[in-house]
Amino acid sequence: MAGETFASTLLVEVGGNPLPPEIAALLLYGHVEDSRNLLDTFLLRFRDQGQLVVEKGGLKIGAKVTLKAQTSTPGLPILLMSGEVCGLTLDLDAGGTITEVRGFDEAHRLMRGRRVAAYPNMTISDVVGQVAKRAGIPAGQIDSLPGVGGQVNTQLSQDNVSDWTFLTRLADRVGAQVGVAAGKLFFKLPAPPQGAPGTTEKAEQNPLVLEADANLLSLRASVAAASQTPEVEVRGWDFEHKREVTATATPTLKGAGADPAELGQTFQAPPVLAGVSGHRSQAEVKAAANALAADLGATAVEMDGLAKGNPQLRAGVAVALAGVGAPFAGQYTLTSTRHVFSPDTGYSTAFTVSGRQDRSLYGLTTRAQGVAHGLVPAVVSNIKDPLDMGRVALTFPWLSGEFTSGWARVAQQGAGKDRGLVILPEVGDEVLVGFENGDFDSPYVLGGLFNGTDTLPSASTSLVDGTSGQVGVRAFVSRKGHRLELVEEQGQVLLSTSDSQVTVTLDEKSGKVIIKAPQGVTVDAGTGQLELKATMGISIDAGTGPLDLKGARVTVTGQSDVTVAATVIKLN
């Protein structure tokens, strides 16, 4: 209710039951933090001279804890957080013994360990639901995302990162926020401060009004044009249709006292361009542009404040900031809150407004990069590309024995429309793979690799000349053994079938072309003319078989004489 005040004692329940009175009386301090970007956390500090808090309070690692604030008038307490005990600390000195109990909401389970997994033919929302179920966290609000977020993806991959890192990557992709509220996982797009009270209302009328000289104890707010621009543009590359895809968006911060686009226009800032070749469709670049515009707009007005204790002030709640003048007065969505229960200061609530920006120390750390950096070996598992574009599917045995990638494009020499060298790797071949912009779902096969099992094919001579140390032969050999060899020292070009029965030899030293075929050679000039020319003579030897010359007209001309020798000569 308006003007409500709250007790400074935090109500703690463990396993659904209140703390025993003798343990609750030992509570010295507590705080609860929630955020739209990070895990919710709590800390409880007890005076524990007899070291009884953990055992008698049931506050062991893994215990379910619920934290509430009781109104000063009759009524049900208001829930601040539910979570699990994840850490215990004992401080013992001459002043006595202090036991600290620390915990997180259920989202901490998503940060434990790393996972390699493939999610083929699923929407982002479907993937989020599957991850939540696997972690044992009930699904809360998981938005059916528009645009690319609602499309079925050929594959989304988790490349040896935690579930939390994976989900935040997906959130970044569409500009969503992920977290746990009331024990349920949410994945939703940031909403404007809908339902916020007007800035002309008073704090005594509405607890969601933060009013100077009333319930607002301190505030540091900033309006900055430094990173603002009137427009953002995101570009990508649609390789299926060989064209660029582009989208633009305007930074906004609805309800705020300052307009991000106007701030950018003040200094005639050029558009912010994000060129990411991994964006494949119009829907992808549009989602990325909207996310980038929202992130930039959220930095136009940021604030840190402290208010009188109020459990209705929670991350994601829309509030009005009043009594602070323009351009700060306005409607805002809280990014994080910190509810502090202290014997020195009573109950107070700190808050921040920063959009999806993480201003905590955790936000300064580098997010886990996964494995999509540099070049890695892989093994081809499938070459039946449904789009018939010569792509292949890959496994990474060094990473997982079960994971299979989406379709990877294969680099080909001279590739172009109806031209180029086409050499697909075989299933089971080891290949060298790179990733586009570090995206594990955009692998490229750069070439094949020999190894201790898949050895070099044999050739007519040593690969490296033992005398000169230079390359002795270059060869192309098919799966069945058909080969083309360029032999450097002998000056030969060899073309042969796998059994070496049919061969063509181009001999640079002798100047000869040698064709061998045990079952015959056919030369068909079609409708043209076949000419055989030689300055030193032409020899045709049919052995014991017949020699047939046939034509509409046959002319035999000798410059000096013509010799015809046979046992029987027939002229007809």
Protein backbone atom coordinates (compact mmCIF):
# COMPACT_ATOMS: atom_id res chain seq x y z
CA MET A 1 0.00 0.00 0.00
CA ALA A 2 1.09 3.62 -0.48
CA GLY A 3 3.38 4.99 2.20
CA GLU A 4 4.02 1.53 3.66
CA THR A 5 7.09 0.98 5.81
CA PHE A 6 8.78 -2.34 6.43
CA ALA A 7 10.41 -4.03 9.36
CA SER A 8 14.19 -4.03 9.39
CA THR A 9 14.30 -7.71 10.31
CA LEU A 10 14.66 -10.10 7.42
CA LEU A 11 12.44 -13.19 7.55
CA VAL A 12 14.35 -16.35 6.69
CA GLU A 13 12.80 -19.71 5.87
CA VAL A 14 14.82 -22.89 5.32
CA GLY A 15 13.21 -25.85 3.61
CA GLY A 16 9.83 -24.13 3.84
CA ASN A 17 10.04 -23.58 7.61
CA PRO A 18 11.01 -20.44 9.56
CA LEU A 19 14.38 -20.42 11.28
CA PRO A 20 14.16 -21.59 14.89
CA PRO A 21 13.63 -18.50 17.08
CA GLU A 22 16.95 -18.95 18.88
CA ILE A 23 18.77 -18.98 15.51
CA ALA A 24 16.77 -16.12 14.01
CA ALA A 25 17.70 -14.01 17.01
CA LEU A 26 21.40 -14.38 16.08
CA LEU A 27 20.94 -12.74 12.65
CA LEU A 28 23.03 -9.56 12.53
CA TYR A 29 22.84 -8.56 8.89
CA GLY A 30 21.39 -9.66 5.59
CA HIS A 31 21.13 -8.47 2.04
CA VAL A 32 19.40 -9.68 -1.12
CA GLU A 33 20.48 -8.67 -4.62
CA ASP A 34 18.56 -9.24 -7.81
CA SER A 35 19.41 -8.32 -11.39
CA ARG A 36 18.06 -8.53 -14.90
CA ASN A 37 21.48 -9.66 -16.10
CA LEU A 38 23.01 -11.77 -13.32
CA LEU A 39 22.14 -14.32 -10.68
CA ASP A 40 20.20 -13.19 -7.63
CA THR A 41 22.28 -13.53 -4.46
CA PHE A 42 21.86 -13.33 -0.71
CA LEU A 43 24.13 -13.05 2.30
CA LEU A 44 23.19 -13.71 5.94
CA ARG A 45 25.53 -12.88 8.81
CA PHE A 46 24.97 -14.49 12.24
CA ARG A 47 26.67 -14.10 15.59
CA ASP A 48 27.53 -17.72 16.28
CA GLN A 49 29.42 -18.15 19.54
CA GLY A 50 28.41 -21.77 19.87
CA GLN A 51 28.78 -22.63 16.17
CA LEU A 52 25.17 -23.77 16.12
CA VAL A 53 23.75 -21.76 13.19
CA VAL A 54 24.56 -24.18 10.39
CA GLU A 55 23.45 -27.31 12.20
CA LYS A 56 20.37 -26.06 14.07
CA GLY A 57 19.34 -23.65 11.35
CA GLY A 58 19.55 -26.31 8.64
CA LEU A 59 21.74 -23.96 6.64
CA LYS A 60 23.87 -26.60 4.97
CA ILE A 61 25.16 -26.39 1.42
CA GLY A 62 22.22 -26.98 -0.91
CA ALA A 63 19.53 -26.00 1.57
CA LYS A 64 16.50 -24.21 0.07
CA VAL A 65 16.17 -20.69 1.48
CA THR A 66 13.35 -18.19 1.14
CA LEU A 67 13.82 -14.55 2.12
CA LYS A 68 10.91 -12.21 2.82
CA ALA A 69 10.17 -8.76 4.23
CA GLN A 70 7.25 -8.38 6.62
CA THR A 71 5.07 -5.27 6.43
CA SER A 72 4.63 -3.27 9.61
CA THR A 73 0.90 -3.83 9.41
CA PRO A 74 -0.85 -7.20 9.45
CA GLY A 75 -0.56 -9.12 6.22
CA LEU A 76 1.54 -11.67 4.40
CA PRO A 77 5.27 -10.97 4.08
CA ILE A 78 6.54 -10.04 0.62
CA LEU A 79 8.91 -12.44 -1.12
CA LEU A 80 12.34 -11.04 -1.94
CA MET A 81 14.09 -14.17 -3.15
CA SER A 82 14.20 -17.93 -3.11
CA GLY A 83 17.50 -19.69 -3.59
CA GLU A 84 19.97 -22.26 -2.38
CA VAL A 85 22.87 -22.12 0.07
CA CYS A 86 26.09 -22.28 -1.91
CA GLY A 87 28.75 -21.12 0.55
CA LEU A 88 29.55 -20.90 4.27
CA THR A 89 32.18 -18.74 5.96
CA LEU A 90 33.40 -18.77 9.56
CA ASP A 91 35.14 -15.69 10.99
CA LEU A 92 36.62 -16.21 14.45
CA ASP A 93 38.62 -13.61 16.38
CA ALA A 94 38.84 -12.06 19.84
CA GLY A 95 35.51 -10.35 19.25
CA GLY A 96 33.65 -13.60 18.79
CA THR A 97 32.47 -15.89 16.01
CA ILE A 98 30.57 -14.82 12.91
CA THR A 99 29.03 -17.30 10.47
CA GLU A 100 28.13 -16.09 7.00
CA VAL A 101 25.72 -17.93 4.74
CA ARG A 102 25.84 -17.11 1.03
CA GLY A 103 23.60 -18.34 -1.72
CA PHE A 104 22.23 -17.82 -5.20
CA ASP A 105 18.99 -18.38 -6.99
CA GLU A 106 18.64 -21.61 -8.94
CA ALA A 107 20.41 -20.09 -11.94
CA HIS A 108 23.74 -20.93 -10.31
CA ARG A 109 23.20 -24.47 -11.55
CA LEU A 110 23.59 -23.13 -15.07
CA MET A 111 27.10 -21.90 -14.27
CA ARG A 112 28.43 -25.24 -13.10
CA GLY A 113 30.62 -27.20 -15.48
CA ARG A 114 30.77 -26.97 -19.24
CA ARG A 115 28.83 -28.77 -21.87
CA VAL A 116 29.15 -29.74 -25.53
CA ALA A 117 25.73 -30.10 -27.11
CA ALA A 118 23.90 -29.65 -30.39
CA TYR A 119 20.36 -28.31 -30.74
CA PRO A 120 19.29 -28.99 -34.35
CA ASN A 121 16.09 -27.69 -35.91
CA MET A 122 14.93 -25.72 -32.87
CA THR A 123 13.93 -22.14 -32.13
CA ILE A 124 15.85 -20.19 -29.51
CA SER A 125 12.86 -20.41 -27.18
CA ASP A 126 12.80 -24.20 -27.58
CA VAL A 127 16.50 -24.40 -26.76
CA VAL A 128 16.07 -22.27 -23.62
CA GLY A 129 13.27 -24.53 -22.43
CA GLN A 130 15.38 -27.64 -22.99
CA VAL A 131 18.35 -26.19 -21.11
CA ALA A 132 16.12 -25.22 -18.17
CA LYS A 133 14.59 -28.69 -18.02
CA ARG A 134 17.98 -30.35 -18.10
CA ALA A 135 19.17 -28.15 -15.22
CA GLY A 136 16.10 -28.96 -13.15
CA ILE A 137 14.83 -25.37 -13.19
CA PRO A 138 11.12 -24.83 -13.92
CA ALA A 139 10.47 -22.69 -16.99
CA GLY A 140 8.90 -19.32 -16.33
CA GLN A 141 8.35 -16.62 -18.92
CA ILE A 142 10.11 -17.75 -22.08
CA ASP A 143 9.02 -15.38 -24.81
CA SER A 144 8.01 -16.63 -28.23
CA LEU A 145 10.50 -14.31 -29.86
CA PRO A 146 9.70 -12.51 -33.11
CA GLY A 147 11.92 -12.55 -36.17
CA VAL A 148 15.03 -14.68 -36.00
CA GLY A 149 14.27 -15.64 -32.41
CA GLY A 150 11.16 -17.45 -33.57
CA GLN A 151 12.75 -19.15 -36.56
CA VAL A 152 13.81 -22.77 -36.57
CA ASN A 153 17.62 -22.83 -36.67
CA THR A 154 19.46 -25.48 -38.66
CA GLN A 155 21.58 -25.89 -35.56
CA LEU A 156 22.59 -24.03 -32.42
CA SER A 157 25.71 -25.36 -30.71
CA GLN A 158 27.07 -25.20 -27.18
CA ASP A 159 30.83 -25.42 -27.55
CA ASN A 160 32.23 -26.45 -24.17
CA VAL A 161 30.79 -23.52 -22.23
CA SER A 162 28.46 -23.42 -19.25
CA ASP A 163 24.71 -23.37 -19.74
CA TRP A 164 24.69 -19.81 -18.40
CA THR A 165 27.24 -18.60 -20.95
CA PHE A 166 25.33 -20.36 -23.70
CA LEU A 167 22.01 -18.80 -22.70
CA THR A 168 23.52 -15.32 -22.40
CA ARG A 169 24.96 -15.73 -25.90
CA LEU A 170 21.50 -16.52 -27.19
CA ALA A 171 20.15 -13.54 -25.26
CA ASP A 172 22.76 -11.25 -26.80
CA ARG A 173 21.83 -12.51 -30.24
CA VAL A 174 18.25 -11.26 -29.95
CA GLY A 175 18.63 -8.60 -27.27
CA ALA A 176 16.85 -10.62 -24.59
CA GLN A 177 17.45 -10.98 -20.86
CA VAL A 178 17.87 -14.27 -19.02
CA GLY A 179 17.63 -15.08 -15.33
CA VAL A 180 15.60 -16.76 -12.59
CA ALA A 181 12.67 -15.16 -10.78
CA ALA A 182 10.63 -16.91 -8.09
CA GLY A 183 12.54 -20.10 -8.82
CA LYS A 184 11.66 -20.11 -12.53
CA LEU A 185 13.88 -19.39 -15.54
CA PHE A 186 12.87 -16.46 -17.71
CA PHE A 187 14.09 -15.47 -21.17
CA LYS A 188 12.39 -12.33 -22.38
CA LEU A 189 12.86 -9.18 -24.37
CA PRO A 190 13.36 -5.99 -22.33
CA ALA A 191 10.06 -4.18 -21.98
CA PRO A 192 9.59 -0.43 -21.75
CA PRO A 193 8.57 0.82 -18.29
CA GLN A 194 4.95 -0.16 -18.73
CA GLY A 195 2.72 0.45 -15.75
CA ALA A 196 5.07 2.97 -14.19
CA PRO A 197 3.36 5.74 -12.27
CA GLY A 198 3.44 9.27 -13.60
CA THR A 199 6.24 11.62 -12.60
CA THR A 200 3.70 13.97 -11.06
CA GLU A 201 2.61 11.37 -8.48
CA LYS A 202 3.98 11.43 -4.95
CA ALA A 203 5.86 8.68 -3.14
CA GLU A 204 3.26 8.69 -0.38
CA GLN A 205 0.64 7.85 -3.02
CA ASN A 206 2.55 5.14 -4.86
CA PRO A 207 5.47 3.03 -3.59
CA LEU A 208 6.88 2.84 -7.14
CA VAL A 209 7.53 6.59 -7.19
CA LEU A 210 11.08 7.46 -6.15
CA GLU A 211 10.81 11.05 -4.98
CA ALA A 212 13.54 13.37 -3.83
CA ASP A 213 13.16 14.54 -0.22
CA ALA A 214 10.75 11.68 0.39
CA ASN A 215 11.66 8.01 -0.02
CA LEU A 216 14.70 8.68 -2.24
CA LEU A 217 17.72 8.95 0.07
CA SER A 218 20.48 9.47 -2.50
CA LEU A 219 20.92 9.40 -6.26
CA ARG A 220 23.66 9.66 -8.82
CA ALA A 221 22.19 9.95 -12.30
CA SER A 222 23.87 10.76 -15.59
CA VAL A 223 22.71 11.72 -19.06
CA ALA A 224 25.44 11.18 -21.62
CA ALA A 225 25.63 11.71 -25.37
CA ALA A 226 29.05 10.08 -25.71
CA SER A 227 27.92 6.79 -27.21
CA GLN A 228 24.65 7.96 -28.72
CA THR A 229 23.82 7.99 -32.41
CA PRO A 230 20.62 8.69 -34.33
CA GLU A 231 20.78 5.31 -36.03
CA VAL A 232 22.49 1.92 -35.98
CA GLU A 233 23.04 -0.36 -38.94
CA VAL A 234 23.82 -4.06 -38.94
CA ARG A 235 25.02 -5.87 -42.05
CA GLY A 236 25.46 -9.54 -42.85
CA TRP A 237 26.04 -11.96 -45.72
CA ASP A 238 23.47 -14.38 -47.15
CA PHE A 239 25.68 -16.93 -48.91
CA GLU A 240 22.73 -18.96 -50.20
CA HIS A 241 21.68 -16.03 -52.38
CA LYS A 242 25.12 -14.35 -52.59
CA ARG A 243 23.94 -10.99 -51.30
CA GLU A 244 24.31 -8.65 -48.36
CA VAL A 245 21.53 -8.24 -45.81
CA THR A 246 21.10 -4.98 -43.88
CA ALA A 247 18.83 -3.49 -41.25
CA THR A 248 18.69 -0.23 -39.30
CA ALA A 249 17.15 0.78 -35.99
CA THR A 250 16.86 3.92 -33.88
CA PRO A 251 18.11 3.94 -30.26
CA THR A 252 15.27 4.67 -27.87
CA LEU A 253 14.67 4.76 -24.12
CA LYS A 254 10.93 5.04 -23.66
CA GLY A 255 9.72 7.05 -20.72
CA ALA A 256 13.14 8.51 -19.94
CA GLY A 257 13.77 12.22 -19.59
CA ALA A 258 16.27 12.18 -22.48
CA ASP A 259 15.99 10.84 -26.06
CA PRO A 260 19.10 8.86 -27.14
CA ALA A 261 18.60 9.61 -30.84
CA GLU A 262 18.29 13.35 -30.16
CA LEU A 263 21.47 13.24 -28.07
CA GLY A 264 23.30 11.62 -30.97
CA GLN A 265 21.88 14.10 -33.45
CA THR A 266 23.10 17.00 -31.33
CA PHE A 267 26.66 16.31 -32.40
CA GLN A 268 25.69 14.92 -35.83
CA ALA A 269 27.08 11.52 -34.87
CA PRO A 270 27.31 9.09 -37.78
CA PRO A 271 25.39 5.80 -37.61
CA VAL A 272 26.99 2.97 -35.68
CA LEU A 273 27.82 0.18 -38.13
CA ALA A 274 28.13 -3.45 -37.08
CA GLY A 275 29.25 -5.71 -39.92
CA VAL A 276 28.95 -9.35 -38.90
CA SER A 277 29.28 -11.77 -41.79
CA GLY A 278 27.74 -14.53 -39.68
CA HIS A 279 24.30 -12.92 -39.94
CA ARG A 280 22.65 -14.85 -42.77
CA SER A 281 19.14 -13.45 -43.12
CA GLN A 282 17.12 -10.28 -42.97
CA ALA A 283 15.51 -11.49 -39.76
CA GLU A 284 18.93 -11.96 -38.13
CA VAL A 285 20.25 -8.49 -38.95
CA LYS A 286 16.96 -6.91 -37.90
CA ALA A 287 17.08 -8.65 -34.52
CA ALA A 288 20.73 -7.66 -34.10
CA ALA A 289 19.99 -4.04 -35.07
CA ASN A 290 17.13 -3.80 -32.56
CA ALA A 291 19.31 -5.32 -29.83
CA LEU A 292 22.21 -2.94 -30.57
CA ALA A 293 19.89 0.09 -30.65
CA ALA A 294 18.33 -0.92 -27.32
CA ASP A 295 21.73 -1.42 -25.70
CA LEU A 296 23.00 1.95 -26.92
CA GLY A 297 19.81 3.73 -25.93
CA ALA A 298 19.97 2.29 -22.42
CA THR A 299 23.32 4.01 -21.83
CA ALA A 300 21.84 7.47 -22.44
CA VAL A 301 20.49 7.67 -18.89
CA GLU A 302 22.02 5.64 -16.10
CA MET A 303 21.66 5.92 -12.37
CA ASP A 304 22.56 4.48 -8.99
CA GLY A 305 20.34 5.33 -6.07
CA LEU A 306 19.36 4.48 -2.52
CA ALA A 307 15.79 4.46 -1.26
CA LYS A 308 14.01 3.60 1.92
CA GLY A 309 13.49 -0.14 2.19
CA ASN A 310 10.78 -1.28 -0.20
CA PRO A 311 10.42 -4.93 -1.35
CA GLN A 312 8.34 -3.80 -4.33
CA LEU A 313 11.48 -2.31 -5.84
CA ARG A 314 12.77 -5.28 -7.83
CA ALA A 315 14.82 -5.76 -10.98
CA GLY A 316 12.51 -5.39 -13.97
CA VAL A 317 9.98 -3.23 -12.12
CA ALA A 318 8.96 0.04 -13.75
CA VAL A 319 9.30 3.10 -11.51
CA ALA A 320 8.94 6.87 -11.78
CA LEU A 321 11.73 9.22 -10.75
CA ALA A 322 10.21 12.44 -9.46
CA GLY A 323 11.34 15.68 -7.95
CA VAL A 324 14.75 15.70 -9.63
CA GLY A 325 14.04 17.97 -12.59
CA ALA A 326 14.76 17.57 -16.30
CA PRO A 327 16.30 15.69 -17.98
CA PHE A 328 16.43 13.14 -15.16
CA ALA A 329 12.81 12.86 -14.16
CA GLY A 330 11.07 10.09 -16.07
CA GLN A 331 9.97 6.49 -16.11
CA TYR A 332 12.60 3.75 -15.88
CA THR A 333 12.92 0.01 -15.53
CA LEU A 334 15.16 -1.06 -12.66
CA THR A 335 18.16 -3.14 -13.72
CA SER A 336 19.18 -4.36 -10.27
CA THR A 337 18.34 -3.85 -6.61
CA ARG A 338 20.05 -4.57 -3.31
CA HIS A 339 17.90 -4.92 -0.21
CA VAL A 340 19.99 -4.39 2.93
CA PHE A 341 18.84 -5.25 6.47
CA SER A 342 21.26 -3.81 8.98
CA PRO A 343 21.00 -2.85 12.66
CA ASP A 344 22.89 0.34 11.86
CA THR A 345 20.86 1.65 8.92
CA GLY A 346 17.68 -0.38 9.15
CA TYR A 347 16.12 -1.50 5.88
CA SER A 348 17.21 0.24 2.67
CA THR A 349 17.04 -0.57 -1.03
CA ALA A 350 19.79 0.38 -3.45
CA PHE A 351 18.99 0.31 -7.17
CA THR A 352 20.56 0.78 -10.57
CA VAL A 353 19.24 1.64 -14.02
CA SER A 354 21.62 0.58 -16.80
CA GLY A 355 19.66 -1.52 -19.30
CA ARG A 356 21.46 -4.71 -20.29
CA GLN A 357 24.81 -3.21 -19.31
CA ASP A 358 26.47 -5.12 -16.49
CA ARG A 359 28.13 -2.60 -14.16
CA SER A 360 29.22 -5.20 -11.59
CA LEU A 361 32.72 -6.60 -11.10
CA TYR A 362 31.51 -9.77 -12.76
CA GLY A 363 30.77 -7.73 -15.87
CA LEU A 364 34.45 -6.77 -16.06
CA THR A 365 35.49 -10.38 -16.49
CA THR A 366 35.93 -11.90 -19.90
CA ARG A 367 33.14 -14.23 -20.85
CA ALA A 368 34.15 -17.82 -21.59
CA GLN A 369 35.17 -18.05 -25.23
CA GLY A 370 34.37 -21.68 -25.92
CA VAL A 371 36.46 -23.42 -28.55
CA ALA A 372 35.62 -21.41 -31.67
CA HIS A 373 38.91 -19.61 -31.99
CA GLY A 374 41.93 -20.42 -34.12
CA LEU A 375 42.13 -23.51 -36.31
CA VAL A 376 41.17 -26.99 -35.14
CA PRO A 377 41.16 -30.52 -36.60
CA ALA A 378 37.85 -32.23 -37.29
CA VAL A 379 36.54 -35.41 -38.90
CA VAL A 380 33.98 -35.38 -41.71
CA SER A 381 30.79 -37.23 -40.73
CA ASN A 382 28.38 -36.47 -43.57
CA ILE A 383 28.72 -35.10 -47.12
CA LYS A 384 25.08 -35.32 -48.24
CA ASP A 385 24.36 -31.60 -48.21
CA PRO A 386 20.58 -31.06 -48.47
CA LEU A 387 21.21 -27.84 -50.42
CA ASP A 388 23.72 -29.53 -52.75
CA MET A 389 26.30 -26.81 -52.09
CA GLY A 390 29.21 -29.12 -51.34
CA ARG A 391 29.01 -28.59 -47.57
CA VAL A 392 29.93 -31.22 -45.01
CA ALA A 393 29.04 -32.04 -41.40
CA LEU A 394 31.84 -32.45 -38.88
CA THR A 395 32.68 -34.12 -35.61
CA PHE A 396 35.34 -32.92 -33.16
CA PRO A 397 36.57 -36.08 -31.41
CA TRP A 398 38.95 -34.08 -29.21
CA LEU A 399 35.92 -32.15 -27.88
CA SER A 400 33.09 -34.70 -27.73
CA GLY A 401 32.33 -38.21 -28.86
CA GLU A 402 28.71 -37.35 -29.62
CA PHE A 403 28.58 -33.81 -31.04
CA THR A 404 28.03 -33.25 -34.78
CA SER A 405 28.24 -29.80 -36.31
CA GLY A 406 25.86 -28.11 -38.69
CA TRP A 407 26.79 -27.85 -42.36
CA ALA A 408 30.25 -26.39 -43.02
CA ARG A 409 31.26 -24.77 -46.28
CA VAL A 410 34.38 -26.17 -47.95
CA ALA A 411 36.99 -23.81 -49.43
CA GLN A 412 37.62 -24.69 -53.11
CA GLN A 413 40.30 -23.27 -55.40
CA GLY A 414 38.88 -20.97 -58.09
CA ALA A 415 35.30 -21.46 -56.94
CA GLY A 416 32.80 -19.45 -58.97
CA LYS A 417 29.64 -19.85 -60.99
CA ASP A 418 29.87 -23.20 -62.82
CA ARG A 419 33.65 -23.31 -62.39
CA GLY A 420 36.43 -24.07 -59.96
CA LEU A 421 38.23 -27.08 -58.52
CA VAL A 422 35.71 -29.35 -56.79
CA ILE A 423 37.31 -31.75 -54.32
CA LEU A 424 35.05 -32.83 -51.48
CA PRO A 425 36.51 -34.64 -48.49
CA GLU A 426 35.28 -38.15 -47.81
CA VAL A 427 33.38 -39.25 -44.70
CA GLY A 428 36.02 -40.11 -42.11
CA ASP A 429 38.64 -37.71 -43.48
CA GLU A 430 40.51 -35.45 -41.09
CA VAL A 431 40.23 -31.79 -42.08
CA LEU A 432 41.38 -28.39 -40.83
CA VAL A 433 38.54 -26.11 -39.70
CA GLY A 434 38.26 -22.39 -38.96
CA PHE A 435 35.30 -20.44 -37.55
CA GLU A 436 33.77 -17.28 -38.95
CA ASN A 437 34.15 -14.46 -36.42
CA GLY A 438 34.63 -17.07 -33.70
CA ASP A 439 31.12 -18.50 -34.22
CA PHE A 440 31.10 -22.24 -33.54
CA ASP A 441 28.01 -22.57 -35.73
CA SER A 442 29.84 -21.12 -38.76
CA PRO A 443 32.70 -23.55 -39.47
CA TYR A 444 34.71 -23.58 -42.71
CA VAL A 445 36.75 -26.51 -43.98
CA LEU A 446 40.07 -25.11 -45.18
CA GLY A 447 41.68 -28.37 -46.34
CA GLY A 448 42.37 -32.01 -45.65
CA LEU A 449 45.06 -33.46 -43.38
CA PHE A 450 47.20 -36.58 -43.55
CA ASN A 451 47.89 -38.41 -40.30
CA GLY A 452 49.39 -41.61 -38.95
CA THR A 453 46.48 -43.66 -40.29
CA ASP A 454 45.52 -41.72 -43.41
CA THR A 455 49.00 -41.68 -44.91
CA LEU A 456 50.24 -40.07 -48.11
CA PRO A 457 49.43 -42.02 -51.28
CA SER A 458 52.34 -43.82 -52.96
CA ALA A 459 53.85 -42.22 -56.04
CA SER A 460 56.16 -43.25 -58.87
CA THR A 461 59.11 -41.63 -57.09
CA SER A 462 59.99 -40.19 -53.68
CA LEU A 463 57.96 -37.23 -52.51
CA VAL A 464 61.19 -35.37 -51.72
CA ASP A 465 64.29 -35.79 -53.87
CA GLY A 466 67.00 -37.34 -51.69
CA THR A 467 69.80 -35.44 -53.43
CA SER A 468 68.45 -31.93 -53.96
CA GLY A 469 66.01 -31.88 -51.04
CA GLN A 470 63.37 -30.46 -53.35
CA VAL A 471 59.88 -31.76 -53.98
CA GLY A 472 60.19 -34.76 -56.31
CA VAL A 473 56.57 -35.31 -57.26
CA ARG A 474 53.22 -33.62 -56.95
CA ALA A 475 50.16 -35.80 -57.27
CA PHE A 476 46.40 -35.93 -57.16
CA VAL A 477 45.05 -39.36 -56.20
CA SER A 478 41.37 -40.32 -55.99
CA ARG A 479 39.74 -42.55 -53.37
CA LYS A 480 40.02 -45.56 -55.71
CA GLY A 481 43.59 -44.83 -56.66
CA HIS A 482 43.26 -43.06 -60.01
CA ARG A 483 46.12 -40.60 -60.19
CA LEU A 484 47.72 -37.64 -61.86
CA GLU A 485 51.43 -37.17 -61.11
CA LEU A 486 53.82 -34.35 -61.97
CA VAL A 487 57.29 -35.90 -61.68
CA GLU A 488 59.87 -33.11 -61.49
CA GLU A 489 63.24 -34.85 -61.98
CA GLN A 490 62.16 -37.12 -64.83
CA GLY A 491 60.17 -34.30 -66.43
CA GLN A 492 57.07 -36.41 -66.77
CA VAL A 493 53.33 -36.01 -66.40
CA LEU A 494 51.67 -39.32 -65.60
CA LEU A 495 47.95 -40.11 -65.81
CA SER A 496 46.89 -43.61 -64.84
CA THR A 497 44.02 -45.71 -63.61
CA SER A 498 44.13 -47.35 -60.20
CA ASP A 499 45.49 -50.64 -61.61
CA SER A 500 48.10 -48.81 -63.75
CA GLN A 501 46.88 -50.74 -66.81
CA VAL A 502 45.71 -47.64 -68.67
CA THR A 503 48.30 -44.85 -68.68
CA VAL A 504 49.17 -41.67 -70.49
CA THR A 505 52.74 -40.39 -70.13
CA LEU A 506 53.96 -36.98 -71.24
CA ASP A 507 57.76 -37.24 -71.31
CA GLU A 508 59.53 -33.89 -71.46
CA LYS A 509 63.03 -35.36 -71.89
CA SER A 510 62.22 -37.65 -74.80
CA GLY A 511 59.52 -35.41 -76.17
CA LYS A 512 57.18 -38.36 -76.40
CA VAL A 513 53.57 -39.03 -75.48
CA ILE A 514 53.04 -42.67 -74.52
CA ILE A 515 49.55 -44.13 -74.30
CA LYS A 516 49.04 -47.63 -72.96
CA ALA A 517 45.70 -49.45 -72.91
CA PRO A 518 45.52 -53.28 -72.86
CA GLN A 519 42.08 -53.40 -74.45
CA GLY A 520 42.53 -50.75 -77.13
CA VAL A 521 42.59 -47.03 -77.83
CA THR A 522 39.82 -45.18 -79.59
CA VAL A 523 40.36 -41.76 -81.16
CA ASP A 524 37.11 -40.18 -82.31
CA ALA A 525 37.37 -36.88 -84.16
CA GLY A 526 33.61 -36.64 -84.60
CA THR A 527 32.65 -34.61 -87.66
CA GLY A 528 36.13 -33.10 -87.83
CA GLN A 529 39.36 -34.29 -89.43
CA LEU A 530 42.03 -36.42 -87.78
CA GLU A 531 45.58 -35.61 -88.84
CA LEU A 532 48.73 -37.54 -87.94
CA LYS A 533 51.98 -35.73 -88.76
CA ALA A 534 55.63 -36.64 -88.17
CA THR A 535 58.86 -35.51 -89.86
CA MET A 536 60.75 -38.75 -89.15
CA GLY A 537 58.03 -41.17 -90.19
CA ILE A 538 54.89 -42.86 -88.98
CA SER A 539 54.87 -46.54 -88.10
CA ILE A 540 51.66 -48.53 -87.70
CA ASP A 541 52.09 -52.14 -86.53
CA ALA A 542 48.96 -54.26 -86.28
CA GLY A 543 50.90 -57.38 -85.26
CA THR A 544 49.03 -60.52 -86.30
CA GLY A 545 45.76 -58.66 -86.67
CA PRO A 546 44.29 -56.91 -89.70
CA LEU A 547 45.00 -53.32 -90.67
CA ASP A 548 41.94 -51.73 -92.22
CA LEU A 549 41.94 -48.41 -94.07
CA LYS A 550 38.50 -47.28 -95.16
CA GLY A 551 37.30 -44.07 -96.73
CA ALA A 552 35.22 -42.60 -99.50
CA ARG A 553 38.51 -42.04 -101.31
CA VAL A 554 41.94 -43.41 -100.40
CA THR A 555 45.05 -41.74 -101.81
CA VAL A 556 48.55 -43.12 -101.30
CA THR A 557 51.37 -40.87 -102.48
CA GLY A 558 55.11 -41.59 -102.24
CA GLN A 559 57.70 -38.89 -102.82
CA SER A 560 60.12 -41.47 -104.31
CA ASP A 561 58.43 -44.85 -104.42
CA VAL A 562 55.63 -46.97 -102.96
CA THR A 563 56.31 -50.51 -101.83
CA VAL A 564 53.52 -53.00 -101.31
CA ALA A 565 54.60 -56.46 -100.13
CA ALA A 566 52.36 -59.40 -99.32
CA THR A 567 51.99 -63.13 -100.03
CA VAL A 568 48.88 -62.36 -102.02
CA ILE A 569 48.00 -58.92 -103.33
CA LYS A 570 44.40 -58.34 -104.30
CA LEU A 571 43.32 -55.30 -106.22
CA ASN A 572 39.61 -55.04 -106.74
